[in-house]
Amino acid sequence: GEDPYLGYVLAKASVSGIQSQKVVANAKHWTLNSQETNREGVSEDADERTRFEMYYPPFEGAIEADVGSFMCSYNKINGAWSCENPETLLRDLKQTLGFKGYVMSDWG
């Protein structure tokens, strides 16, 4: 499996390095984007504790490094599209984690 703490450390360092070159880094994919099969329609379901302990630490590292942007994913999260999900976008990312930048949709 993935290591949330290692992801935190690497994301923080990557964002710091990228943005030191006067470009905006993008943290993607927010969030629970963990499979390719049916990724445009699958609902990845996780409770709040699981999201904060297992999925969010790398994104927290990016936020601590003052990342400028996020990209939301194609999938649904707990039944709501990732790019329209008020629980994960507004409450978790913006209010609780304190992200101040902008979020763009995936445009693949």
N, C-alpha and C. Protein backbone atom coordinates (compact mmCIF):
# COMPACT_ATOMS: atom_id res chain seq x y z
N GLY A 1 0.80 -1.19 0.00
CA GLY A 1 0.00 0.00 0.00
C GLY A 1 0.85 1.26 0.00
N GLU A 2 0.19 2.36 -0.06
CA GLU A 2 0.86 3.65 -0.07
C GLU A 2 1.10 4.13 1.36
N ASP A 3 2.14 4.90 1.55
CA ASP A 3 2.52 5.41 2.86
C ASP A 3 2.10 6.87 2.95
N PRO A 4 1.08 7.20 3.75
CA PRO A 4 0.61 8.58 3.83
C PRO A 4 1.69 9.57 4.27
N TYR A 5 2.54 9.16 5.21
CA TYR A 5 3.58 10.08 5.69
C TYR A 5 4.63 10.33 4.61
N LEU A 6 5.06 9.28 3.93
CA LEU A 6 6.03 9.46 2.85
C LEU A 6 5.44 10.34 1.75
N GLY A 7 4.17 10.13 1.43
CA GLY A 7 3.50 10.98 0.45
C GLY A 7 3.49 12.43 0.89
N TYR A 8 3.27 12.67 2.17
CA TYR A 8 3.29 14.02 2.73
C TYR A 8 4.66 14.67 2.51
N VAL A 9 5.72 13.96 2.88
CA VAL A 9 7.09 14.48 2.77
C VAL A 9 7.43 14.77 1.31
N LEU A 10 7.13 13.82 0.43
CA LEU A 10 7.48 13.98 -0.99
C LEU A 10 6.66 15.08 -1.66
N ALA A 11 5.38 15.16 -1.34
CA ALA A 11 4.55 16.22 -1.94
C ALA A 11 5.03 17.59 -1.51
N LYS A 12 5.34 17.74 -0.24
CA LYS A 12 5.82 19.03 0.26
C LYS A 12 7.11 19.44 -0.43
N ALA A 13 8.04 18.50 -0.56
CA ALA A 13 9.32 18.79 -1.22
C ALA A 13 9.13 19.08 -2.71
N SER A 14 8.28 18.31 -3.36
CA SER A 14 8.05 18.51 -4.80
C SER A 14 7.44 19.88 -5.08
N VAL A 15 6.43 20.24 -4.32
CA VAL A 15 5.78 21.54 -4.52
C VAL A 15 6.77 22.67 -4.26
N SER A 16 7.55 22.55 -3.20
CA SER A 16 8.55 23.58 -2.90
C SER A 16 9.54 23.73 -4.05
N GLY A 17 10.00 22.61 -4.58
CA GLY A 17 10.95 22.65 -5.69
C GLY A 17 10.36 23.25 -6.95
N ILE A 18 9.17 22.81 -7.31
CA ILE A 18 8.52 23.32 -8.52
C ILE A 18 8.27 24.82 -8.41
N GLN A 19 7.69 25.24 -7.30
CA GLN A 19 7.31 26.64 -7.17
C GLN A 19 8.51 27.55 -6.92
N SER A 20 9.66 26.98 -6.57
CA SER A 20 10.87 27.81 -6.43
C SER A 20 11.33 28.32 -7.79
N GLN A 21 10.80 27.73 -8.87
CA GLN A 21 11.15 28.13 -10.23
C GLN A 21 10.14 29.12 -10.81
N LYS A 22 9.32 29.69 -9.94
CA LYS A 22 8.34 30.71 -10.32
C LYS A 22 7.24 30.19 -11.25
N VAL A 23 6.83 28.94 -11.00
CA VAL A 23 5.67 28.37 -11.68
C VAL A 23 4.72 27.83 -10.61
N VAL A 24 3.47 27.66 -10.97
CA VAL A 24 2.47 27.16 -10.03
C VAL A 24 2.41 25.64 -10.13
N ALA A 25 2.59 24.98 -9.00
CA ALA A 25 2.45 23.52 -8.95
C ALA A 25 0.97 23.17 -8.85
N ASN A 26 0.64 21.95 -9.29
CA ASN A 26 -0.74 21.46 -9.25
C ASN A 26 -0.75 20.12 -8.53
N ALA A 27 -1.52 20.04 -7.45
CA ALA A 27 -1.66 18.78 -6.72
C ALA A 27 -2.86 18.03 -7.28
N LYS A 28 -2.62 16.81 -7.73
CA LYS A 28 -3.71 16.04 -8.31
C LYS A 28 -3.59 14.57 -7.95
N HIS A 29 -4.59 13.88 -8.00
CA HIS A 29 -5.99 14.19 -8.22
C HIS A 29 -6.71 14.20 -6.87
N TRP A 30 -7.41 15.25 -6.60
CA TRP A 30 -8.20 15.38 -5.37
C TRP A 30 -9.53 14.73 -5.61
N THR A 31 -9.90 13.79 -4.96
CA THR A 31 -9.24 12.85 -4.06
C THR A 31 -9.86 11.48 -4.22
N LEU A 32 -9.31 10.49 -3.58
CA LEU A 32 -9.75 9.09 -3.63
C LEU A 32 -9.75 8.56 -5.06
N ASN A 33 -8.83 9.02 -5.87
CA ASN A 33 -8.70 8.57 -7.25
C ASN A 33 -7.71 7.40 -7.26
N SER A 34 -8.22 6.21 -6.96
CA SER A 34 -7.30 5.10 -6.73
C SER A 34 -7.45 3.93 -7.69
N GLN A 35 -8.20 4.10 -8.77
CA GLN A 35 -8.31 3.01 -9.73
C GLN A 35 -8.59 3.57 -11.12
N GLU A 36 -8.22 2.81 -12.13
CA GLU A 36 -8.46 3.22 -13.51
C GLU A 36 -9.72 2.58 -14.08
N THR A 37 -10.11 1.42 -13.57
CA THR A 37 -11.30 0.74 -14.07
C THR A 37 -12.54 1.56 -13.76
N ASN A 38 -13.26 1.97 -14.79
CA ASN A 38 -14.49 2.74 -14.63
C ASN A 38 -14.27 4.03 -13.85
N ARG A 39 -13.10 4.64 -14.01
CA ARG A 39 -12.78 5.83 -13.20
C ARG A 39 -13.69 7.02 -13.48
N GLU A 40 -14.35 7.02 -14.64
CA GLU A 40 -15.24 8.13 -14.96
C GLU A 40 -16.61 8.00 -14.31
N GLY A 41 -16.87 6.90 -13.60
CA GLY A 41 -18.19 6.72 -13.02
C GLY A 41 -18.22 6.06 -11.66
N VAL A 42 -17.10 5.50 -11.25
CA VAL A 42 -17.06 4.78 -9.98
C VAL A 42 -17.19 5.75 -8.81
N SER A 43 -17.83 5.28 -7.75
CA SER A 43 -17.89 6.07 -6.52
C SER A 43 -16.91 5.46 -5.53
N GLU A 44 -15.87 6.20 -5.21
CA GLU A 44 -14.89 5.78 -4.21
C GLU A 44 -15.44 6.25 -2.86
N ASP A 45 -15.71 5.33 -1.98
CA ASP A 45 -16.37 5.67 -0.72
C ASP A 45 -15.42 5.50 0.46
N ALA A 46 -15.33 6.53 1.28
CA ALA A 46 -14.49 6.49 2.48
C ALA A 46 -15.05 7.45 3.51
N ASP A 47 -15.00 7.03 4.77
CA ASP A 47 -15.48 7.92 5.83
C ASP A 47 -14.45 9.01 6.11
N GLU A 48 -14.84 9.97 6.93
CA GLU A 48 -13.99 11.12 7.21
C GLU A 48 -12.64 10.72 7.81
N ARG A 49 -12.64 9.83 8.77
CA ARG A 49 -11.38 9.42 9.40
C ARG A 49 -10.43 8.79 8.38
N THR A 50 -10.95 7.92 7.54
CA THR A 50 -10.11 7.28 6.52
C THR A 50 -9.54 8.32 5.56
N ARG A 51 -10.36 9.27 5.14
CA ARG A 51 -9.87 10.31 4.23
C ARG A 51 -8.73 11.10 4.87
N PHE A 52 -8.92 11.55 6.10
CA PHE A 52 -7.91 12.38 6.75
C PHE A 52 -6.65 11.61 7.14
N GLU A 53 -6.78 10.34 7.48
CA GLU A 53 -5.61 9.56 7.90
C GLU A 53 -4.87 8.91 6.74
N MET A 54 -5.59 8.50 5.69
CA MET A 54 -4.96 7.73 4.62
C MET A 54 -4.81 8.47 3.30
N TYR A 55 -5.76 9.32 2.95
CA TYR A 55 -5.76 9.96 1.64
C TYR A 55 -5.24 11.40 1.65
N TYR A 56 -5.47 12.13 2.71
CA TYR A 56 -5.15 13.56 2.71
C TYR A 56 -3.72 13.94 3.05
N PRO A 57 -2.94 13.14 3.78
CA PRO A 57 -1.60 13.60 4.15
C PRO A 57 -0.72 14.12 3.00
N PRO A 58 -0.66 13.46 1.84
CA PRO A 58 0.15 14.05 0.76
C PRO A 58 -0.36 15.43 0.34
N PHE A 59 -1.67 15.60 0.32
CA PHE A 59 -2.25 16.89 -0.03
C PHE A 59 -1.97 17.93 1.05
N GLU A 60 -1.94 17.50 2.31
CA GLU A 60 -1.58 18.41 3.40
C GLU A 60 -0.15 18.92 3.22
N GLY A 61 0.76 18.03 2.80
CA GLY A 61 2.13 18.45 2.54
C GLY A 61 2.19 19.49 1.44
N ALA A 62 1.41 19.28 0.39
CA ALA A 62 1.36 20.25 -0.71
C ALA A 62 0.82 21.60 -0.22
N ILE A 63 -0.21 21.57 0.60
CA ILE A 63 -0.79 22.81 1.13
C ILE A 63 0.21 23.53 2.02
N GLU A 64 0.93 22.78 2.85
CA GLU A 64 1.95 23.40 3.71
C GLU A 64 3.06 24.06 2.90
N ALA A 65 3.30 23.54 1.69
CA ALA A 65 4.29 24.14 0.80
C ALA A 65 3.68 25.26 -0.04
N ASP A 66 2.42 25.61 0.25
CA ASP A 66 1.71 26.69 -0.42
C ASP A 66 1.44 26.41 -1.89
N VAL A 67 1.02 25.18 -2.19
CA VAL A 67 0.69 24.82 -3.56
C VAL A 67 -0.37 25.78 -4.10
N GLY A 68 -0.23 26.13 -5.38
CA GLY A 68 -1.14 27.12 -5.96
C GLY A 68 -2.44 26.57 -6.49
N SER A 69 -2.45 25.28 -6.87
CA SER A 69 -3.67 24.75 -7.47
C SER A 69 -3.84 23.26 -7.18
N PHE A 70 -5.07 22.83 -7.30
CA PHE A 70 -5.44 21.42 -7.19
C PHE A 70 -6.21 21.04 -8.43
N MET A 71 -6.21 19.76 -8.77
CA MET A 71 -7.06 19.23 -9.83
C MET A 71 -7.94 18.16 -9.23
N CYS A 72 -9.25 18.32 -9.38
CA CYS A 72 -10.17 17.28 -8.90
C CYS A 72 -10.20 16.14 -9.92
N SER A 73 -10.74 15.01 -9.50
CA SER A 73 -10.69 13.80 -10.32
C SER A 73 -12.03 13.51 -10.99
N TYR A 74 -12.02 12.53 -11.91
CA TYR A 74 -13.23 12.15 -12.65
C TYR A 74 -14.25 11.41 -11.80
N ASN A 75 -13.79 10.68 -10.81
CA ASN A 75 -14.65 9.78 -10.05
C ASN A 75 -15.62 10.51 -9.13
N LYS A 76 -16.53 9.73 -8.57
CA LYS A 76 -17.41 10.23 -7.52
C LYS A 76 -16.78 9.90 -6.17
N ILE A 77 -17.12 10.67 -5.16
CA ILE A 77 -16.68 10.41 -3.79
C ILE A 77 -17.94 10.33 -2.94
N ASN A 78 -18.15 9.17 -2.37
CA ASN A 78 -19.36 8.94 -1.56
C ASN A 78 -20.63 9.35 -2.33
N GLY A 79 -20.64 9.05 -3.63
CA GLY A 79 -21.82 9.28 -4.46
C GLY A 79 -21.91 10.62 -5.15
N ALA A 80 -21.04 11.57 -4.82
CA ALA A 80 -21.07 12.90 -5.45
C ALA A 80 -19.82 13.09 -6.31
N TRP A 81 -19.97 13.68 -7.48
CA TRP A 81 -18.82 13.89 -8.36
C TRP A 81 -17.72 14.66 -7.62
N SER A 82 -16.49 14.25 -7.81
CA SER A 82 -15.35 14.87 -7.13
C SER A 82 -15.30 16.38 -7.35
N CYS A 83 -15.53 16.81 -8.57
CA CYS A 83 -15.42 18.24 -8.90
C CYS A 83 -16.63 19.05 -8.46
N GLU A 84 -17.63 18.39 -7.90
CA GLU A 84 -18.83 19.08 -7.41
C GLU A 84 -19.11 18.75 -5.95
N ASN A 85 -18.18 18.11 -5.27
CA ASN A 85 -18.44 17.56 -3.94
C ASN A 85 -18.21 18.59 -2.84
N PRO A 86 -19.28 19.11 -2.24
CA PRO A 86 -19.10 20.15 -1.22
C PRO A 86 -18.39 19.64 0.04
N GLU A 87 -18.58 18.38 0.35
CA GLU A 87 -17.93 17.83 1.55
C GLU A 87 -16.42 17.80 1.41
N THR A 88 -15.93 17.29 0.29
CA THR A 88 -14.47 17.16 0.14
C THR A 88 -13.82 18.43 -0.40
N LEU A 89 -14.48 19.15 -1.29
CA LEU A 89 -13.89 20.37 -1.84
C LEU A 89 -13.97 21.55 -0.89
N LEU A 90 -15.15 21.83 -0.41
CA LEU A 90 -15.33 23.03 0.42
C LEU A 90 -14.96 22.78 1.88
N ARG A 91 -15.59 21.79 2.48
CA ARG A 91 -15.35 21.57 3.91
C ARG A 91 -13.94 21.05 4.17
N ASP A 92 -13.56 19.94 3.52
CA ASP A 92 -12.26 19.33 3.81
C ASP A 92 -11.10 20.15 3.27
N LEU A 93 -11.07 20.39 1.97
CA LEU A 93 -9.93 21.04 1.33
C LEU A 93 -9.81 22.52 1.71
N LYS A 94 -10.87 23.25 1.53
CA LYS A 94 -10.80 24.70 1.73
C LYS A 94 -10.88 25.10 3.21
N GLN A 95 -11.87 24.60 3.92
CA GLN A 95 -12.09 25.04 5.30
C GLN A 95 -11.17 24.34 6.29
N THR A 96 -11.17 23.01 6.30
CA THR A 96 -10.40 22.28 7.31
C THR A 96 -8.90 22.31 7.02
N LEU A 97 -8.51 22.01 5.78
CA LEU A 97 -7.08 21.98 5.45
C LEU A 97 -6.52 23.36 5.11
N GLY A 98 -7.38 24.32 4.84
CA GLY A 98 -6.93 25.69 4.64
C GLY A 98 -6.34 26.02 3.29
N PHE A 99 -6.69 25.25 2.24
CA PHE A 99 -6.17 25.54 0.91
C PHE A 99 -6.75 26.86 0.40
N LYS A 100 -5.88 27.74 -0.08
CA LYS A 100 -6.29 29.09 -0.50
C LYS A 100 -6.31 29.28 -2.02
N GLY A 101 -5.78 28.34 -2.76
CA GLY A 101 -5.66 28.51 -4.21
C GLY A 101 -6.91 28.11 -4.96
N TYR A 102 -6.74 27.74 -6.23
CA TYR A 102 -7.87 27.38 -7.08
C TYR A 102 -7.88 25.88 -7.38
N VAL A 103 -9.06 25.38 -7.71
CA VAL A 103 -9.25 23.97 -8.08
C VAL A 103 -9.74 23.94 -9.52
N MET A 104 -9.08 23.14 -10.35
CA MET A 104 -9.51 22.97 -11.74
C MET A 104 -10.01 21.55 -11.94
N SER A 105 -10.89 21.38 -12.91
CA SER A 105 -11.37 20.04 -13.23
C SER A 105 -10.33 19.34 -14.08
N ASP A 106 -10.39 18.02 -14.09
CA ASP A 106 -9.51 17.25 -14.96
C ASP A 106 -9.98 17.48 -16.39
N TRP A 107 -9.07 17.62 -17.29
CA TRP A 107 -9.43 17.97 -18.66
C TRP A 107 -8.83 17.01 -19.68
N GLY A 108 -8.55 15.77 -19.23
CA GLY A 108 -7.95 14.75 -20.08
C GLY A 108 -8.82 14.38 -21.20
